[in-house]
PDB file of N, CA and C in Angstrom:
ATOM      1  N   MET A   1     -18.464  21.590 -12.999  1.00  0.00           N
ATOM      2  CA  MET A   1     -19.536  20.842 -12.384  1.00  0.00           C
ATOM      3  C   MET A   1     -20.220  21.762 -11.383  1.00  0.00           C
ATOM      4  N   THR A   2     -21.518  21.787 -11.449  1.00  0.00           N
ATOM      5  CA  THR A   2     -22.270  22.647 -10.539  1.00  0.00           C
ATOM      6  C   THR A   2     -22.490  21.948  -9.214  1.00  0.00           C
ATOM      7  N   VAL A   3     -22.867  22.724  -8.223  1.00  0.00           N
ATOM      8  CA  VAL A   3     -23.148  22.161  -6.900  1.00  0.00           C
ATOM      9  C   VAL A   3     -24.320  21.202  -6.978  1.00  0.00           C
ATOM     10  N   GLU A   4     -25.328  21.539  -7.767  1.00  0.00           N
ATOM     11  CA  GLU A   4     -26.500  20.674  -7.902  1.00  0.00           C
ATOM     12  C   GLU A   4     -26.120  19.307  -8.485  1.00  0.00           C
ATOM     13  N   THR A   5     -25.233  19.309  -9.488  1.00  0.00           N
ATOM     14  CA  THR A   5     -24.772  18.060 -10.091  1.00  0.00           C
ATOM     15  C   THR A   5     -24.000  17.238  -9.081  1.00  0.00           C
ATOM     16  N   LEU A   6     -23.144  17.901  -8.315  1.00  0.00           N
ATOM     17  CA  LEU A   6     -22.359  17.208  -7.305  1.00  0.00           C
ATOM     18  C   LEU A   6     -23.251  16.593  -6.240  1.00  0.00           C
ATOM     19  N   VAL A   7     -24.250  17.338  -5.778  1.00  0.00           N
ATOM     20  CA  VAL A   7     -25.164  16.838  -4.750  1.00  0.00           C
ATOM     21  C   VAL A   7     -25.968  15.661  -5.295  1.00  0.00           C
ATOM     22  N   SER A   8     -26.405  15.733  -6.544  1.00  0.00           N
ATOM     23  CA  SER A   8     -27.193  14.634  -7.103  1.00  0.00           C
ATOM     24  C   SER A   8     -26.354  13.370  -7.259  1.00  0.00           C
ATOM     25  N   ARG A   9     -25.048  13.523  -7.431  1.00  0.00           N
ATOM     26  CA  ARG A   9     -24.168  12.355  -7.543  1.00  0.00           C
ATOM     27  C   ARG A   9     -23.806  11.781  -6.178  1.00  0.00           C
ATOM     28  N   MET A  10     -23.968  12.550  -5.136  1.00  0.00           N
ATOM     29  CA  MET A  10     -23.610  12.114  -3.782  1.00  0.00           C
ATOM     30  C   MET A  10     -24.861  11.676  -3.050  1.00  0.00           C
ATOM     31  N   ASN A  11     -25.580  10.716  -3.590  1.00  0.00           N
ATOM     32  CA  ASN A  11     -26.852  10.309  -3.008  1.00  0.00           C
ATOM     33  C   ASN A  11     -26.723   9.211  -1.964  1.00  0.00           C
ATOM     34  N   GLY A  12     -25.516   8.793  -1.671  1.00  0.00           N
ATOM     35  CA  GLY A  12     -25.312   7.786  -0.633  1.00  0.00           C
ATOM     36  C   GLY A  12     -25.552   6.365  -1.095  1.00  0.00           C
ATOM     37  N   GLN A  13     -25.863   6.163  -2.348  1.00  0.00           N
ATOM     38  CA  GLN A  13     -26.100   4.824  -2.864  1.00  0.00           C
ATOM     39  C   GLN A  13     -24.780   4.205  -3.297  1.00  0.00           C
ATOM     40  N   PRO A  14     -24.554   2.923  -2.965  1.00  0.00           N
ATOM     41  CA  PRO A  14     -23.311   2.284  -3.399  1.00  0.00           C
ATOM     42  C   PRO A  14     -23.298   2.137  -4.917  1.00  0.00           C
ATOM     43  N   SER A  15     -22.149   2.256  -5.477  1.00  0.00           N
ATOM     44  CA  SER A  15     -21.995   2.127  -6.911  1.00  0.00           C
ATOM     45  C   SER A  15     -22.025   0.662  -7.309  1.00  0.00           C
ATOM     46  N   THR A  16     -22.751   0.376  -8.368  1.00  0.00           N
ATOM     47  CA  THR A  16     -22.767  -0.994  -8.894  1.00  0.00           C
ATOM     48  C   THR A  16     -21.810  -1.132 -10.060  1.00  0.00           C
ATOM     49  N   LYS A  17     -21.196  -0.036 -10.429  1.00  0.00           N
ATOM     50  CA  LYS A  17     -20.246  -0.037 -11.537  1.00  0.00           C
ATOM     51  C   LYS A  17     -18.970  -0.761 -11.113  1.00  0.00           C
ATOM     52  N   GLN A  18     -18.542  -1.723 -11.894  1.00  0.00           N
ATOM     53  CA  GLN A  18     -17.324  -2.469 -11.613  1.00  0.00           C
ATOM     54  C   GLN A  18     -16.139  -1.742 -12.233  1.00  0.00           C
ATOM     55  N   THR A  19     -15.248  -1.282 -11.406  1.00  0.00           N
ATOM     56  CA  THR A  19     -14.050  -0.617 -11.899  1.00  0.00           C
ATOM     57  C   THR A  19     -12.835  -1.335 -11.349  1.00  0.00           C
ATOM     58  N   PRO A  20     -11.767  -1.378 -12.130  1.00  0.00           N
ATOM     59  CA  PRO A  20     -10.544  -1.989 -11.601  1.00  0.00           C
ATOM     60  C   PRO A  20     -10.057  -1.166 -10.409  1.00  0.00           C
ATOM     61  N   THR A  21      -9.776  -1.849  -9.321  1.00  0.00           N
ATOM     62  CA  THR A  21      -9.348  -1.141  -8.120  1.00  0.00           C
ATOM     63  C   THR A  21      -7.917  -1.492  -7.779  1.00  0.00           C
ATOM     64  N   ARG A  22      -7.265  -0.557  -7.160  1.00  0.00           N
ATOM     65  CA  ARG A  22      -5.911  -0.769  -6.690  1.00  0.00           C
ATOM     66  C   ARG A  22      -5.987  -1.348  -5.289  1.00  0.00           C
ATOM     67  N   ARG A  23      -5.053  -2.198  -4.969  1.00  0.00           N
ATOM     68  CA  ARG A  23      -5.014  -2.780  -3.626  1.00  0.00           C
ATOM     69  C   ARG A  23      -4.883  -1.675  -2.599  1.00  0.00           C
ATOM     70  N   LYS A  24      -5.490  -1.900  -1.443  1.00  0.00           N
ATOM     71  CA  LYS A  24      -5.413  -0.905  -0.382  1.00  0.00           C
ATOM     72  C   LYS A  24      -4.026  -0.850   0.235  1.00  0.00           C
ATOM     73  N   THR A  25      -3.369  -1.984   0.333  1.00  0.00           N
ATOM     74  CA  THR A  25      -2.057  -2.019   0.946  1.00  0.00           C
ATOM     75  C   THR A  25      -0.991  -1.933  -0.135  1.00  0.00           C
ATOM     76  N   VAL A  26      -0.327  -0.802  -0.186  1.00  0.00           N
ATOM     77  CA  VAL A  26       0.720  -0.572  -1.180  1.00  0.00           C
ATOM     78  C   VAL A  26       1.895   0.079  -0.466  1.00  0.00           C
ATOM     79  N   LEU A  27       3.096  -0.396  -0.745  1.00  0.00           N
ATOM     80  CA  LEU A  27       4.297   0.234  -0.207  1.00  0.00           C
ATOM     81  C   LEU A  27       4.870   1.168  -1.261  1.00  0.00           C
ATOM     82  N   PHE A  28       5.366   2.318  -0.809  1.00  0.00           N
ATOM     83  CA  PHE A  28       5.939   3.308  -1.704  1.00  0.00           C
ATOM     84  C   PHE A  28       7.388   3.560  -1.325  1.00  0.00           C
ATOM     85  N   CYS A  29       8.269   3.621  -2.311  1.00  0.00           N
ATOM     86  CA  CYS A  29       9.670   3.961  -2.078  1.00  0.00           C
ATOM     87  C   CYS A  29       9.837   5.460  -2.258  1.00  0.00           C
ATOM     88  N   ARG A  30      10.413   6.110  -1.269  1.00  0.00           N
ATOM     89  CA  ARG A  30      10.662   7.547  -1.362  1.00  0.00           C
ATOM     90  C   ARG A  30      11.883   7.850  -2.221  1.00  0.00           C
ATOM     91  N   GLY A  31      12.741   6.868  -2.399  1.00  0.00           N
ATOM     92  CA  GLY A  31      13.967   7.082  -3.159  1.00  0.00           C
ATOM     93  C   GLY A  31      13.740   7.157  -4.660  1.00  0.00           C
ATOM     94  N   CYS A  32      12.891   6.270  -5.182  1.00  0.00           N
ATOM     95  CA  CYS A  32      12.703   6.225  -6.631  1.00  0.00           C
ATOM     96  C   CYS A  32      11.235   6.200  -7.036  1.00  0.00           C
ATOM     97  N   GLU A  33      10.340   6.310  -6.081  1.00  0.00           N
ATOM     98  CA  GLU A  33       8.897   6.324  -6.312  1.00  0.00           C
ATOM     99  C   GLU A  33       8.341   4.990  -6.808  1.00  0.00           C
ATOM    100  N   TYR A  34       9.099   3.902  -6.642  1.00  0.00           N
ATOM    101  CA  TYR A  34       8.583   2.571  -6.961  1.00  0.00           C
ATOM    102  C   TYR A  34       7.457   2.261  -5.987  1.00  0.00           C
ATOM    103  N   GLN A  35       6.444   1.518  -6.438  1.00  0.00           N
ATOM    104  CA  GLN A  35       5.368   1.110  -5.550  1.00  0.00           C
ATOM    105  C   GLN A  35       4.922  -0.298  -5.892  1.00  0.00           C
ATOM    106  N   GLY A  36       4.434  -0.994  -4.868  1.00  0.00           N
ATOM    107  CA  GLY A  36       3.970  -2.350  -5.082  1.00  0.00           C
ATOM    108  C   GLY A  36       3.381  -2.920  -3.812  1.00  0.00           C
ATOM    109  N   PRO A  37       2.675  -4.041  -3.916  1.00  0.00           N
ATOM    110  CA  PRO A  37       2.071  -4.670  -2.745  1.00  0.00           C
ATOM    111  C   PRO A  37       3.144  -5.233  -1.824  1.00  0.00           C
ATOM    112  N   PRO A  38       2.847  -5.386  -0.541  1.00  0.00           N
ATOM    113  CA  PRO A  38       3.839  -5.915   0.399  1.00  0.00           C
ATOM    114  C   PRO A  38       4.358  -7.296   0.025  1.00  0.00           C
ATOM    115  N   ASP A  39       3.554  -8.080  -0.683  1.00  0.00           N
ATOM    116  CA  ASP A  39       4.017  -9.405  -1.097  1.00  0.00           C
ATOM    117  C   ASP A  39       4.655  -9.372  -2.490  1.00  0.00           C
ATOM    118  N   GLY A  40       5.000  -8.179  -2.949  1.00  0.00           N
ATOM    119  CA  GLY A  40       5.648  -8.006  -4.246  1.00  0.00           C
ATOM    120  C   GLY A  40       7.142  -8.295  -4.175  1.00  0.00           C
ATOM    121  N   PRO A  41       7.910  -7.753  -5.104  1.00  0.00           N
ATOM    122  CA  PRO A  41       9.324  -8.095  -5.223  1.00  0.00           C
ATOM    123  C   PRO A  41      10.263  -7.333  -4.288  1.00  0.00           C
ATOM    124  N   TRP A  42       9.790  -6.875  -3.152  1.00  0.00           N
ATOM    125  CA  TRP A  42      10.639  -6.157  -2.194  1.00  0.00           C
ATOM    126  C   TRP A  42      11.732  -7.076  -1.672  1.00  0.00           C
ATOM    127  N   ILE A  43      12.864  -6.504  -1.350  1.00  0.00           N
ATOM    128  CA  ILE A  43      13.951  -7.254  -0.713  1.00  0.00           C
ATOM    129  C   ILE A  43      13.676  -7.200   0.779  1.00  0.00           C
ATOM    130  N   ILE A  44      13.558  -8.353   1.411  1.00  0.00           N
ATOM    131  CA  ILE A  44      13.205  -8.395   2.832  1.00  0.00           C
ATOM    132  C   ILE A  44      14.359  -9.003   3.615  1.00  0.00           C
ATOM    133  N   HIS A  45      14.889  -8.230   4.557  1.00  0.00           N
ATOM    134  CA  HIS A  45      15.903  -8.735   5.477  1.00  0.00           C
ATOM    135  C   HIS A  45      15.185  -9.101   6.775  1.00  0.00           C
ATOM    136  N   ARG A  46      15.184 -10.378   7.090  1.00  0.00           N
ATOM    137  CA  ARG A  46      14.502 -10.855   8.284  1.00  0.00           C
ATOM    138  C   ARG A  46      15.448 -10.784   9.471  1.00  0.00           C
ATOM    139  N   LYS A  47      15.001 -10.098  10.501  1.00  0.00           N
ATOM    140  CA  LYS A  47      15.759  -9.991  11.742  1.00  0.00           C
ATOM    141  C   LYS A  47      14.958 -10.690  12.823  1.00  0.00           C
ATOM    142  N   PRO A  48      15.548 -10.973  13.979  1.00  0.00           N
ATOM    143  CA  PRO A  48      14.815 -11.706  15.016  1.00  0.00           C
ATOM    144  C   PRO A  48      13.494 -11.043  15.432  1.00  0.00           C
ATOM    145  N   ASP A  49      13.449  -9.719  15.423  1.00  0.00           N
ATOM    146  CA  ASP A  49      12.243  -9.041  15.898  1.00  0.00           C
ATOM    147  C   ASP A  49      11.545  -8.187  14.838  1.00  0.00           C
ATOM    148  N   SER A  50      12.075  -8.149  13.611  1.00  0.00           N
ATOM    149  CA  SER A  50      11.461  -7.300  12.583  1.00  0.00           C
ATOM    150  C   SER A  50      11.851  -7.755  11.182  1.00  0.00           C
ATOM    151  N   ASP A  51      11.102  -7.258  10.203  1.00  0.00           N
ATOM    152  CA  ASP A  51      11.416  -7.457   8.791  1.00  0.00           C
ATOM    153  C   ASP A  51      11.692  -6.087   8.198  1.00  0.00           C
ATOM    154  N   VAL A  52      12.813  -5.963   7.506  1.00  0.00           N
ATOM    155  CA  VAL A  52      13.192  -4.693   6.885  1.00  0.00           C
ATOM    156  C   VAL A  52      12.954  -4.834   5.385  1.00  0.00           C
ATOM    157  N   TYR A  53      12.081  -3.990   4.845  1.00  0.00           N
ATOM    158  CA  TYR A  53      11.744  -4.015   3.431  1.00  0.00           C
ATOM    159  C   TYR A  53      12.582  -2.983   2.688  1.00  0.00           C
ATOM    160  N   LEU A  54      13.302  -3.446   1.660  1.00  0.00           N
ATOM    161  CA  LEU A  54      14.115  -2.570   0.829  1.00  0.00           C
ATOM    162  C   LEU A  54      13.529  -2.531  -0.578  1.00  0.00           C
ATOM    163  N   CYS A  55      13.683  -1.395  -1.236  1.00  0.00           N
ATOM    164  CA  CYS A  55      13.210  -1.228  -2.607  1.00  0.00           C
ATOM    165  C   CYS A  55      14.038  -2.114  -3.537  1.00  0.00           C
ATOM    166  N   PRO A  56      13.383  -2.842  -4.453  1.00  0.00           N
ATOM    167  CA  PRO A  56      14.134  -3.678  -5.390  1.00  0.00           C
ATOM    168  C   PRO A  56      14.870  -2.862  -6.448  1.00  0.00           C
ATOM    169  N   ASN A  57      14.519  -1.578  -6.600  1.00  0.00           N
ATOM    170  CA  ASN A  57      15.180  -0.740  -7.605  1.00  0.00           C
ATOM    171  C   ASN A  57      16.391   0.001  -7.062  1.00  0.00           C
ATOM    172  N   CYS A  58      16.263   0.556  -5.834  1.00  0.00           N
ATOM    173  CA  CYS A  58      17.334   1.436  -5.354  1.00  0.00           C
ATOM    174  C   CYS A  58      17.843   1.088  -3.950  1.00  0.00           C
ATOM    175  N   ASN A  59      17.362   0.006  -3.358  1.00  0.00           N
ATOM    176  CA  ASN A  59      17.788  -0.467  -2.032  1.00  0.00           C
ATOM    177  C   ASN A  59      17.491   0.500  -0.886  1.00  0.00           C
ATOM    178  N   THR A  60      16.587   1.451  -1.089  1.00  0.00           N
ATOM    179  CA  THR A  60      16.170   2.345  -0.011  1.00  0.00           C
ATOM    180  C   THR A  60      15.311   1.562   0.972  1.00  0.00           C
ATOM    181  N   THR A  61      15.485   1.780   2.270  1.00  0.00           N
ATOM    182  CA  THR A  61      14.625   1.148   3.264  1.00  0.00           C
ATOM    183  C   THR A  61      13.248   1.771   3.152  1.00  0.00           C
ATOM    184  N   VAL A  62      12.251   0.937   2.909  1.00  0.00           N
ATOM    185  CA  VAL A  62      10.886   1.405   2.720  1.00  0.00           C
ATOM    186  C   VAL A  62      10.120   1.356   4.032  1.00  0.00           C
ATOM    187  N   THR A  63      10.253   0.258   4.760  1.00  0.00           N
ATOM    188  CA  THR A  63       9.566   0.129   6.041  1.00  0.00           C
ATOM    189  C   THR A  63      10.248  -0.944   6.872  1.00  0.00           C
ATOM    190  N   VAL A  64      10.040  -0.853   8.167  1.00  0.00           N
ATOM    191  CA  VAL A  64      10.487  -1.885   9.104  1.00  0.00           C
ATOM    192  C   VAL A  64       9.244  -2.345   9.838  1.00  0.00           C
ATOM    193  N   ARG A  65       8.936  -3.613   9.730  1.00  0.00           N
ATOM    194  CA  ARG A  65       7.732  -4.153  10.352  1.00  0.00           C
ATOM    195  C   ARG A  65       8.117  -5.089  11.478  1.00  0.00           C
ATOM    196  N   ASP A  66       7.544  -4.833  12.648  1.00  0.00           N
ATOM    197  CA  ASP A  66       7.798  -5.683  13.811  1.00  0.00           C
ATOM    198  C   ASP A  66       7.261  -7.083  13.552  1.00  0.00           C
ATOM    199  N   ARG A  67       7.976  -8.069  14.066  1.00  0.00           N
ATOM    200  CA  ARG A  67       7.532  -9.454  13.979  1.00  0.00           C
ATOM    201  C   ARG A  67       7.055  -9.882  15.340  1.00  0.00           C
ATOM    202  N   PHE A  68       5.892 -10.463  15.386  1.00  0.00           N
ATOM    203  CA  PHE A  68       5.288 -10.887  16.647  1.00  0.00           C
ATOM    204  C   PHE A  68       5.187 -12.394  16.766  1.00  0.00           C
ATOM    205  N   ASP A  69       5.799 -13.132  15.847  1.00  0.00           N
ATOM    206  CA  ASP A  69       5.690 -14.590  15.862  1.00  0.00           C
ATOM    207  C   ASP A  69       6.529 -15.244  16.946  1.00  0.00           C
ATOM    208  N   ASN A  70       7.391 -14.498  17.615  1.00  0.00           N
ATOM    209  CA  ASN A  70       8.223 -15.070  18.673  1.00  0.00           C
ATOM    210  C   ASN A  70       7.628 -14.898  20.074  1.00  0.00           C
ATOM    211  N   TRP A  71       6.421 -14.337  20.150  1.00  0.00           N
ATOM    212  CA  TRP A  71       5.778 -14.113  21.452  1.00  0.00           C
ATOM    213  C   TRP A  71       5.264 -15.437  21.995  1.00  0.00           C
ATOM    214  N   GLU A  72       5.403 -15.603  23.272  1.00  0.00           N
ATOM    215  CA  GLU A  72       4.922 -16.836  23.905  1.00  0.00           C
ATOM    216  C   GLU A  72       3.741 -16.559  24.779  1.00  0.00           C
TER     217      GLU A  72
END
């Protein structure tokens, strides 16, 4: 691809082409490379102040998210 072609494609106009898009929020497992949305099949251990997300394939801890629902 030439520079001229690249510049002509980068005209700042939004694309009207409908393409299937991936969700912006995706969790990734470093242990087995499994990925999925936060509301997917992750194993969630709820603790008083946080939620611990484990991979459904290999039980690797993927993330720990603070819970703020107990604030007064």
